[in-house]
Amino acid sequence: GFATYFTHVYLEHTYGPERRKEGMLRDRQQVIRHCAKSPAPVVNSTISNYNELLSPHVYERASWVLHMLRRQLGDTDLHGGDSRSLSDLNRSRATKARLRVLQNAATAADAFLRS
């Protein structure tokens, strides 16, 4: 989700906010189509074949979570937490609980991420 979202952020900074909006809309449409064919919870800890995680259900959906966090927290707080998140999550599985801990270290994101 980080790479997907920050591709949109890069395009926004390079070409303007409309470019990010177009990309996010495409992602949203992909998620809706994928979920219509293969409904599943956002967090599915029963998956053992990690190739099943390579889908819009995971990457584009996670990108939307980061987009919502950005709108809730602002660029400074979100990006401050991102650098810690990326280094702390290196070669490990990103879970909602781990992201919550990392973001709370930099911001007051707990209310947004609360279950």
N, C-alpha and C. Protein backbone atom coordinates (compact mmCIF):
# COMPACT_ATOMS: atom_id res chain seq x y z
N GLY A 1 0.80 -1.20 0.00
CA GLY A 1 0.00 0.00 0.00
C GLY A 1 0.85 1.26 0.00
N PHE A 2 2.01 1.22 0.70
CA PHE A 2 2.87 2.41 0.75
C PHE A 2 3.34 2.79 -0.65
N ALA A 3 3.85 1.84 -1.41
CA ALA A 3 4.36 2.14 -2.74
C ALA A 3 3.24 2.62 -3.65
N THR A 4 2.09 1.99 -3.56
CA THR A 4 0.94 2.39 -4.38
C THR A 4 0.54 3.83 -4.06
N TYR A 5 0.41 4.12 -2.77
CA TYR A 5 -0.02 5.46 -2.38
C TYR A 5 1.02 6.52 -2.72
N PHE A 6 2.29 6.24 -2.41
CA PHE A 6 3.30 7.26 -2.64
C PHE A 6 3.62 7.45 -4.13
N THR A 7 3.21 6.51 -4.96
CA THR A 7 3.23 6.77 -6.41
C THR A 7 2.25 7.89 -6.71
N HIS A 8 1.06 7.83 -6.11
CA HIS A 8 0.06 8.89 -6.31
C HIS A 8 0.55 10.22 -5.74
N VAL A 9 1.20 10.19 -4.59
CA VAL A 9 1.72 11.43 -3.99
C VAL A 9 2.78 12.03 -4.90
N TYR A 10 3.66 11.19 -5.44
CA TYR A 10 4.69 11.67 -6.38
C TYR A 10 4.03 12.33 -7.59
N LEU A 11 3.04 11.66 -8.16
CA LEU A 11 2.36 12.21 -9.34
C LEU A 11 1.65 13.52 -9.00
N GLU A 12 1.11 13.60 -7.79
CA GLU A 12 0.47 14.84 -7.35
C GLU A 12 1.48 15.99 -7.30
N HIS A 13 2.64 15.73 -6.72
CA HIS A 13 3.65 16.78 -6.61
C HIS A 13 4.26 17.12 -7.97
N THR A 14 4.31 16.16 -8.88
CA THR A 14 4.92 16.39 -10.18
C THR A 14 3.94 17.01 -11.17
N TYR A 15 2.68 16.51 -11.18
CA TYR A 15 1.73 16.93 -12.20
C TYR A 15 0.50 17.65 -11.66
N GLY A 16 0.33 17.68 -10.35
CA GLY A 16 -0.81 18.38 -9.76
C GLY A 16 -1.81 17.43 -9.13
N PRO A 17 -2.69 17.99 -8.29
CA PRO A 17 -3.64 17.16 -7.51
C PRO A 17 -4.63 16.37 -8.37
N GLU A 18 -4.95 16.87 -9.56
CA GLU A 18 -5.89 16.12 -10.40
C GLU A 18 -5.33 14.75 -10.78
N ARG A 19 -4.03 14.68 -10.99
CA ARG A 19 -3.39 13.41 -11.36
C ARG A 19 -3.54 12.39 -10.23
N ARG A 20 -3.35 12.84 -8.97
CA ARG A 20 -3.53 11.93 -7.82
C ARG A 20 -4.99 11.49 -7.74
N LYS A 21 -5.90 12.42 -7.92
CA LYS A 21 -7.33 12.09 -7.84
C LYS A 21 -7.71 11.05 -8.88
N GLU A 22 -7.19 11.20 -10.09
CA GLU A 22 -7.47 10.22 -11.16
C GLU A 22 -6.94 8.84 -10.77
N GLY A 23 -5.73 8.79 -10.25
CA GLY A 23 -5.15 7.51 -9.85
C GLY A 23 -5.91 6.87 -8.71
N MET A 24 -6.30 7.67 -7.73
CA MET A 24 -7.05 7.13 -6.59
C MET A 24 -8.41 6.62 -7.05
N LEU A 25 -9.03 7.32 -7.98
CA LEU A 25 -10.32 6.87 -8.52
C LEU A 25 -10.16 5.53 -9.24
N ARG A 26 -9.10 5.39 -10.04
CA ARG A 26 -8.84 4.11 -10.72
C ARG A 26 -8.66 3.00 -9.69
N ASP A 27 -7.88 3.29 -8.63
CA ASP A 27 -7.68 2.30 -7.58
C ASP A 27 -9.00 1.90 -6.93
N ARG A 28 -9.84 2.89 -6.66
CA ARG A 28 -11.13 2.62 -6.03
C ARG A 28 -11.97 1.69 -6.90
N GLN A 29 -11.99 1.98 -8.19
CA GLN A 29 -12.76 1.15 -9.12
C GLN A 29 -12.22 -0.28 -9.17
N GLN A 30 -10.88 -0.42 -9.12
CA GLN A 30 -10.28 -1.76 -9.10
C GLN A 30 -10.69 -2.51 -7.84
N VAL A 31 -10.66 -1.84 -6.70
CA VAL A 31 -11.03 -2.48 -5.44
C VAL A 31 -12.48 -2.93 -5.49
N ILE A 32 -13.36 -2.08 -5.97
CA ILE A 32 -14.79 -2.42 -6.03
C ILE A 32 -15.00 -3.63 -6.93
N ARG A 33 -14.36 -3.65 -8.11
CA ARG A 33 -14.50 -4.79 -9.02
C ARG A 33 -13.95 -6.07 -8.38
N HIS A 34 -12.79 -5.97 -7.78
CA HIS A 34 -12.17 -7.15 -7.17
C HIS A 34 -13.02 -7.68 -6.02
N CYS A 35 -13.52 -6.79 -5.16
CA CYS A 35 -14.32 -7.22 -4.01
C CYS A 35 -15.66 -7.80 -4.43
N ALA A 36 -16.18 -7.35 -5.58
CA ALA A 36 -17.43 -7.92 -6.08
C ALA A 36 -17.23 -9.38 -6.50
N LYS A 37 -16.04 -9.67 -7.07
CA LYS A 37 -15.73 -11.03 -7.50
C LYS A 37 -15.26 -11.92 -6.36
N SER A 38 -14.47 -11.33 -5.44
CA SER A 38 -13.85 -12.11 -4.36
C SER A 38 -13.99 -11.38 -3.03
N PRO A 39 -15.19 -11.38 -2.45
CA PRO A 39 -15.35 -10.67 -1.18
C PRO A 39 -14.52 -11.32 -0.07
N ALA A 40 -13.88 -10.47 0.72
CA ALA A 40 -13.07 -10.95 1.84
C ALA A 40 -12.87 -9.79 2.81
N PRO A 41 -12.57 -10.10 4.06
CA PRO A 41 -12.30 -9.02 5.01
C PRO A 41 -11.01 -8.29 4.64
N VAL A 42 -10.89 -7.06 5.09
CA VAL A 42 -9.69 -6.28 4.80
C VAL A 42 -8.47 -6.96 5.40
N VAL A 43 -8.57 -7.38 6.64
CA VAL A 43 -7.48 -8.11 7.29
C VAL A 43 -7.87 -9.58 7.31
N ASN A 44 -7.10 -10.40 6.61
CA ASN A 44 -7.40 -11.82 6.51
C ASN A 44 -6.16 -12.61 6.92
N SER A 45 -6.07 -12.94 8.18
CA SER A 45 -4.88 -13.62 8.70
C SER A 45 -4.86 -15.11 8.38
N THR A 46 -5.89 -15.61 7.69
CA THR A 46 -5.93 -17.04 7.37
C THR A 46 -5.18 -17.37 6.09
N ILE A 47 -4.76 -16.36 5.34
CA ILE A 47 -4.06 -16.61 4.07
C ILE A 47 -2.67 -17.15 4.35
N SER A 48 -2.37 -18.29 3.78
CA SER A 48 -1.03 -18.86 3.92
C SER A 48 -0.24 -18.77 2.61
N ASN A 49 -0.94 -18.67 1.49
CA ASN A 49 -0.30 -18.47 0.19
C ASN A 49 -0.20 -16.97 -0.05
N TYR A 50 0.98 -16.42 0.18
CA TYR A 50 1.14 -14.97 0.12
C TYR A 50 0.92 -14.40 -1.27
N ASN A 51 0.93 -15.22 -2.31
CA ASN A 51 0.60 -14.73 -3.65
C ASN A 51 -0.84 -14.24 -3.72
N GLU A 52 -1.69 -14.76 -2.84
CA GLU A 52 -3.09 -14.30 -2.79
C GLU A 52 -3.19 -12.86 -2.31
N LEU A 53 -2.14 -12.37 -1.67
CA LEU A 53 -2.15 -10.99 -1.17
C LEU A 53 -1.82 -9.98 -2.27
N LEU A 54 -1.35 -10.46 -3.41
CA LEU A 54 -0.98 -9.57 -4.51
C LEU A 54 -2.22 -9.22 -5.32
N SER A 55 -3.04 -8.36 -4.76
CA SER A 55 -4.30 -8.02 -5.42
C SER A 55 -4.72 -6.61 -5.04
N PRO A 56 -5.69 -6.05 -5.78
CA PRO A 56 -6.21 -4.72 -5.42
C PRO A 56 -6.82 -4.71 -4.02
N HIS A 57 -7.27 -5.88 -3.58
CA HIS A 57 -7.87 -5.97 -2.25
C HIS A 57 -6.87 -5.52 -1.18
N VAL A 58 -5.61 -5.75 -1.41
CA VAL A 58 -4.59 -5.40 -0.42
C VAL A 58 -3.93 -4.06 -0.77
N TYR A 59 -3.30 -3.96 -1.92
CA TYR A 59 -2.47 -2.80 -2.23
C TYR A 59 -3.27 -1.52 -2.43
N GLU A 60 -4.28 -1.55 -3.27
CA GLU A 60 -5.06 -0.35 -3.51
C GLU A 60 -5.89 0.03 -2.29
N ARG A 61 -6.37 -0.97 -1.58
CA ARG A 61 -7.12 -0.67 -0.35
C ARG A 61 -6.22 -0.04 0.70
N ALA A 62 -5.03 -0.56 0.87
CA ALA A 62 -4.08 0.01 1.82
C ALA A 62 -3.71 1.43 1.41
N SER A 63 -3.61 1.67 0.12
CA SER A 63 -3.33 3.01 -0.37
C SER A 63 -4.43 3.98 0.06
N TRP A 64 -5.67 3.52 0.01
CA TRP A 64 -6.78 4.37 0.44
C TRP A 64 -6.73 4.64 1.94
N VAL A 65 -6.29 3.69 2.73
CA VAL A 65 -6.13 3.93 4.18
C VAL A 65 -5.10 5.03 4.40
N LEU A 66 -3.98 4.97 3.69
CA LEU A 66 -2.97 6.02 3.82
C LEU A 66 -3.51 7.37 3.35
N HIS A 67 -4.31 7.36 2.30
CA HIS A 67 -4.93 8.59 1.81
C HIS A 67 -5.83 9.19 2.89
N MET A 68 -6.63 8.36 3.54
CA MET A 68 -7.52 8.86 4.60
C MET A 68 -6.72 9.36 5.79
N LEU A 69 -5.64 8.65 6.13
CA LEU A 69 -4.77 9.12 7.22
C LEU A 69 -4.17 10.48 6.88
N ARG A 70 -3.76 10.65 5.65
CA ARG A 70 -3.18 11.94 5.23
C ARG A 70 -4.20 13.05 5.41
N ARG A 71 -5.43 12.80 5.02
CA ARG A 71 -6.47 13.82 5.16
C ARG A 71 -6.77 14.10 6.64
N GLN A 72 -6.71 13.08 7.47
CA GLN A 72 -6.99 13.23 8.90
C GLN A 72 -5.84 13.92 9.63
N LEU A 73 -4.60 13.53 9.32
CA LEU A 73 -3.44 13.97 10.09
C LEU A 73 -2.69 15.14 9.48
N GLY A 74 -2.75 15.25 8.17
CA GLY A 74 -1.94 16.24 7.47
C GLY A 74 -0.63 15.63 7.02
N ASP A 75 0.01 16.30 6.08
CA ASP A 75 1.24 15.77 5.49
C ASP A 75 2.37 15.61 6.49
N THR A 76 2.59 16.60 7.34
CA THR A 76 3.74 16.56 8.25
C THR A 76 3.67 15.37 9.19
N ASP A 77 2.53 15.17 9.85
CA ASP A 77 2.41 14.07 10.80
C ASP A 77 2.43 12.72 10.10
N LEU A 78 1.72 12.60 8.99
CA LEU A 78 1.71 11.31 8.29
C LEU A 78 3.09 10.96 7.79
N HIS A 79 3.77 11.88 7.16
CA HIS A 79 5.08 11.57 6.59
C HIS A 79 6.12 11.35 7.66
N GLY A 80 5.98 11.99 8.82
CA GLY A 80 6.88 11.72 9.92
C GLY A 80 6.74 10.29 10.40
N GLY A 81 5.52 9.79 10.45
CA GLY A 81 5.29 8.40 10.85
C GLY A 81 5.68 7.42 9.77
N ASP A 82 5.59 7.83 8.50
CA ASP A 82 5.90 6.93 7.40
C ASP A 82 7.35 6.47 7.41
N SER A 83 8.28 7.37 7.66
CA SER A 83 9.69 6.98 7.61
C SER A 83 9.98 5.94 8.68
N ARG A 84 9.38 6.10 9.86
CA ARG A 84 9.55 5.09 10.91
C ARG A 84 8.85 3.80 10.50
N SER A 85 7.65 3.92 9.93
CA SER A 85 6.90 2.73 9.53
C SER A 85 7.68 1.91 8.52
N LEU A 86 8.23 2.59 7.52
CA LEU A 86 8.94 1.87 6.47
C LEU A 86 10.17 1.16 7.03
N SER A 87 10.94 1.83 7.88
CA SER A 87 12.14 1.17 8.40
C SER A 87 11.78 0.11 9.43
N ASP A 88 10.78 0.36 10.27
CA ASP A 88 10.41 -0.62 11.29
C ASP A 88 9.71 -1.85 10.70
N LEU A 89 9.05 -1.67 9.56
CA LEU A 89 8.31 -2.78 8.96
C LEU A 89 9.12 -3.50 7.88
N ASN A 90 10.37 -3.10 7.70
CA ASN A 90 11.20 -3.70 6.68
C ASN A 90 11.24 -5.22 6.84
N ARG A 91 10.89 -5.92 5.79
CA ARG A 91 10.90 -7.38 5.73
C ARG A 91 9.98 -8.04 6.77
N SER A 92 8.90 -7.37 7.08
CA SER A 92 7.93 -7.97 7.98
C SER A 92 6.53 -7.60 7.51
N ARG A 93 5.57 -8.21 8.11
CA ARG A 93 4.18 -8.01 7.70
C ARG A 93 3.61 -6.78 8.39
N ALA A 94 3.04 -5.88 7.61
CA ALA A 94 2.41 -4.68 8.17
C ALA A 94 1.01 -5.05 8.63
N THR A 95 0.74 -4.87 9.89
CA THR A 95 -0.60 -5.11 10.42
C THR A 95 -1.16 -3.80 10.93
N LYS A 96 -2.46 -3.76 11.10
CA LYS A 96 -3.11 -2.56 11.62
C LYS A 96 -2.55 -2.20 12.99
N ALA A 97 -2.34 -3.19 13.83
CA ALA A 97 -1.82 -2.92 15.18
C ALA A 97 -0.42 -2.32 15.13
N ARG A 98 0.44 -2.85 14.27
CA ARG A 98 1.81 -2.31 14.16
C ARG A 98 1.80 -0.91 13.59
N LEU A 99 0.96 -0.67 12.58
CA LEU A 99 0.86 0.66 12.01
C LEU A 99 0.35 1.64 13.07
N ARG A 100 -0.63 1.22 13.87
CA ARG A 100 -1.17 2.07 14.93
C ARG A 100 -0.06 2.48 15.90
N VAL A 101 0.74 1.54 16.34
CA VAL A 101 1.82 1.84 17.28
C VAL A 101 2.81 2.82 16.66
N LEU A 102 3.19 2.58 15.42
CA LEU A 102 4.16 3.45 14.76
C LEU A 102 3.60 4.85 14.54
N GLN A 103 2.37 4.95 14.10
CA GLN A 103 1.78 6.26 13.87
C GLN A 103 1.57 7.01 15.18
N ASN A 104 1.19 6.30 16.22
CA ASN A 104 0.98 6.97 17.50
C ASN A 104 2.28 7.53 18.06
N ALA A 105 3.38 6.94 17.68
CA ALA A 105 4.66 7.47 18.13
C ALA A 105 4.90 8.87 17.57
N ALA A 106 4.31 9.17 16.43
CA ALA A 106 4.52 10.47 15.79
C ALA A 106 3.30 11.38 15.88
N THR A 107 2.10 10.80 16.07
CA THR A 107 0.87 11.60 15.98
C THR A 107 -0.18 11.09 16.95
N ALA A 108 -1.35 11.69 16.87
CA ALA A 108 -2.50 11.25 17.64
C ALA A 108 -3.44 10.47 16.73
N ALA A 109 -2.92 9.50 16.00
CA ALA A 109 -3.71 8.77 15.01
C ALA A 109 -4.58 7.68 15.60
N ASP A 110 -4.49 7.43 16.89
CA ASP A 110 -5.20 6.32 17.49
C ASP A 110 -6.71 6.38 17.23
N ALA A 111 -7.29 7.55 17.31
CA ALA A 111 -8.75 7.66 17.09
C ALA A 111 -9.13 7.22 15.69
N PHE A 112 -8.28 7.52 14.70
CA PHE A 112 -8.58 7.13 13.33
C PHE A 112 -8.45 5.63 13.13
N LEU A 113 -7.45 5.03 13.74
CA LEU A 113 -7.17 3.62 13.51
C LEU A 113 -7.89 2.69 14.48
N ARG A 114 -8.55 3.24 15.47
CA ARG A 114 -9.20 2.42 16.48
C ARG A 114 -10.20 1.47 15.85
N SER A 115 -10.23 0.25 16.30
CA SER A 115 -11.12 -0.78 15.73
C SER A 115 -12.57 -0.47 15.98
